[in-house]
Amino acid sequence: MVALGAALGAPCRYLLDRWVQARHDTGLPLGTLLINLTGSALLGLLTGLAAGGAIGSEMLAAAGTGWCGAFTTYSTFSFEAVQLVRRGRAPGAVVYVLVSVVVGLALAWAGVEVGSALS
């Protein structure tokens, strides 16, 4: 189930990133930011649903671990933050890192709360 979810999540990440970057040439990695924030919210939601018994462990494995795990990308986030600093865009890198981490955590928490309430 994890492999099936991952086989779908990775192409979704690639296609969404290319789509966002083609439309927003800001020099900031908006595609990765959108992907990681969306993935955080979705994984939180799935976790909340699973904790409340609304979805089973196989669905959590496929959609949570598999799809969300392959869709989101910590390594690309880290690399892009380093690249921003290396290109002299340290303030942008700081904003990128703070938004990614703080908003990502908030969305994951909100997702858990919503998923728990729906269960």
Protein backbone atom coordinates (compact mmCIF):
# COMPACT_ATOMS: atom_id res chain seq x y z
CA MET A 1 0.00 0.00 0.00
CA VAL A 2 2.87 2.36 0.79
CA ALA A 3 4.54 1.69 -2.56
CA LEU A 4 1.28 2.24 -4.43
CA GLY A 5 0.72 5.57 -2.71
CA ALA A 6 4.32 6.62 -3.31
CA ALA A 7 4.10 5.71 -6.99
CA LEU A 8 1.31 8.27 -7.28
CA GLY A 9 2.67 10.91 -4.91
CA ALA A 10 6.04 11.47 -6.57
CA PRO A 11 4.65 12.27 -10.04
CA CYS A 12 2.05 14.54 -8.45
CA ARG A 13 4.84 16.47 -6.70
CA TYR A 14 6.85 16.82 -9.90
CA LEU A 15 3.91 17.95 -12.02
CA LEU A 16 2.56 20.41 -9.45
CA ASP A 17 6.00 21.92 -8.86
CA ARG A 18 6.58 22.42 -12.60
CA TRP A 19 3.08 23.89 -13.00
CA VAL A 20 3.53 26.39 -10.15
CA GLN A 21 7.08 27.39 -11.10
CA ALA A 22 6.05 27.97 -14.74
CA ARG A 23 3.41 30.44 -13.60
CA HIS A 24 5.28 32.24 -10.82
CA ASP A 25 8.82 33.29 -11.63
CA THR A 26 9.60 34.90 -8.28
CA GLY A 27 12.90 33.14 -7.70
CA LEU A 28 11.39 31.60 -4.59
CA PRO A 29 10.52 27.89 -4.51
CA LEU A 30 6.76 28.40 -4.37
CA GLY A 31 6.07 24.97 -5.84
CA THR A 32 7.88 23.15 -3.06
CA LEU A 33 6.30 25.44 -0.47
CA LEU A 34 2.78 24.72 -1.74
CA ILE A 35 3.51 20.99 -1.95
CA ASN A 36 4.90 20.73 1.57
CA LEU A 37 2.13 22.83 3.12
CA THR A 38 -0.58 20.87 1.32
CA GLY A 39 1.05 17.58 2.28
CA SER A 40 1.29 18.64 5.93
CA ALA A 41 -2.40 19.48 6.07
CA LEU A 42 -3.42 16.27 4.30
CA LEU A 43 -1.24 14.04 6.48
CA GLY A 44 -2.66 15.71 9.57
CA LEU A 45 -6.20 15.14 8.29
CA LEU A 46 -5.50 11.49 7.50
CA THR A 47 -3.90 10.97 10.90
CA GLY A 48 -6.90 12.52 12.64
CA LEU A 49 -9.28 10.38 10.62
CA ALA A 50 -7.29 7.24 11.42
CA ALA A 51 -7.13 8.07 15.13
CA GLY A 52 -10.90 8.38 15.19
CA GLY A 53 -11.41 5.14 13.27
CA ALA A 54 -12.83 6.78 10.12
CA ILE A 55 -10.12 5.23 7.93
CA GLY A 56 -8.17 2.04 8.40
CA SER A 57 -4.47 1.36 8.64
CA GLU A 58 -4.21 0.33 4.97
CA MET A 59 -5.64 3.66 3.81
CA LEU A 60 -3.35 5.55 6.18
CA ALA A 61 -0.38 3.56 4.85
CA ALA A 62 -1.27 4.22 1.21
CA ALA A 63 -2.41 7.84 1.44
CA GLY A 64 -0.40 9.03 4.44
CA THR A 65 2.91 7.24 4.41
CA GLY A 66 2.95 6.48 0.69
CA TRP A 67 1.32 9.39 -1.13
CA CYS A 68 2.11 12.18 1.34
CA GLY A 69 5.60 10.79 1.94
CA ALA A 70 6.43 10.83 -1.76
CA PHE A 71 4.53 14.05 -2.46
CA THR A 72 6.25 16.16 0.18
CA THR A 73 9.98 16.71 0.13
CA TYR A 74 12.21 17.77 2.98
CA SER A 75 15.39 17.28 0.96
CA THR A 76 14.27 19.63 -1.82
CA PHE A 77 13.10 22.16 0.79
CA SER A 78 16.54 22.07 2.43
CA PHE A 79 18.41 22.28 -0.86
CA GLU A 80 16.33 25.21 -2.09
CA ALA A 81 16.84 27.10 1.18
CA VAL A 82 20.61 26.65 0.86
CA GLN A 83 20.49 27.76 -2.78
CA LEU A 84 18.63 30.93 -1.83
CA VAL A 85 21.38 31.81 0.66
CA ARG A 86 24.11 30.99 -1.86
CA ARG A 87 22.45 33.31 -4.38
CA GLY A 88 22.49 36.19 -1.91
CA ARG A 89 18.83 35.89 -0.98
CA ALA A 90 19.25 35.14 2.72
CA PRO A 91 16.15 37.13 3.79
CA GLY A 92 14.05 35.14 1.31
CA ALA A 93 15.57 31.92 2.62
CA VAL A 94 14.68 32.83 6.20
CA VAL A 95 11.08 33.62 5.21
CA TYR A 96 10.90 30.40 3.19
CA VAL A 97 12.15 28.29 6.10
CA LEU A 98 9.94 30.00 8.69
CA VAL A 99 6.80 29.79 6.58
CA SER A 100 7.52 26.17 5.66
CA VAL A 101 8.06 25.07 9.25
CA VAL A 102 5.61 27.24 11.19
CA VAL A 103 2.74 27.14 8.71
CA GLY A 104 3.42 23.46 7.97
CA LEU A 105 3.14 22.59 11.65
CA ALA A 106 -0.01 24.69 12.03
CA LEU A 107 -1.61 23.00 9.02
CA ALA A 108 -0.68 19.54 10.28
CA TRP A 109 -2.20 20.36 13.67
CA ALA A 110 -5.33 21.79 12.06
CA GLY A 111 -5.60 18.70 9.85
CA VAL A 112 -5.44 16.40 12.89
CA GLU A 113 -8.11 18.45 14.65
CA VAL A 114 -10.42 18.45 11.61
CA GLY A 115 -9.86 14.74 11.00
CA SER A 116 -10.56 13.93 14.64
CA ALA A 117 -13.74 16.04 14.59
CA LEU A 118 -14.95 14.28 11.43
CA SER A 119 -14.37 10.81 12.88
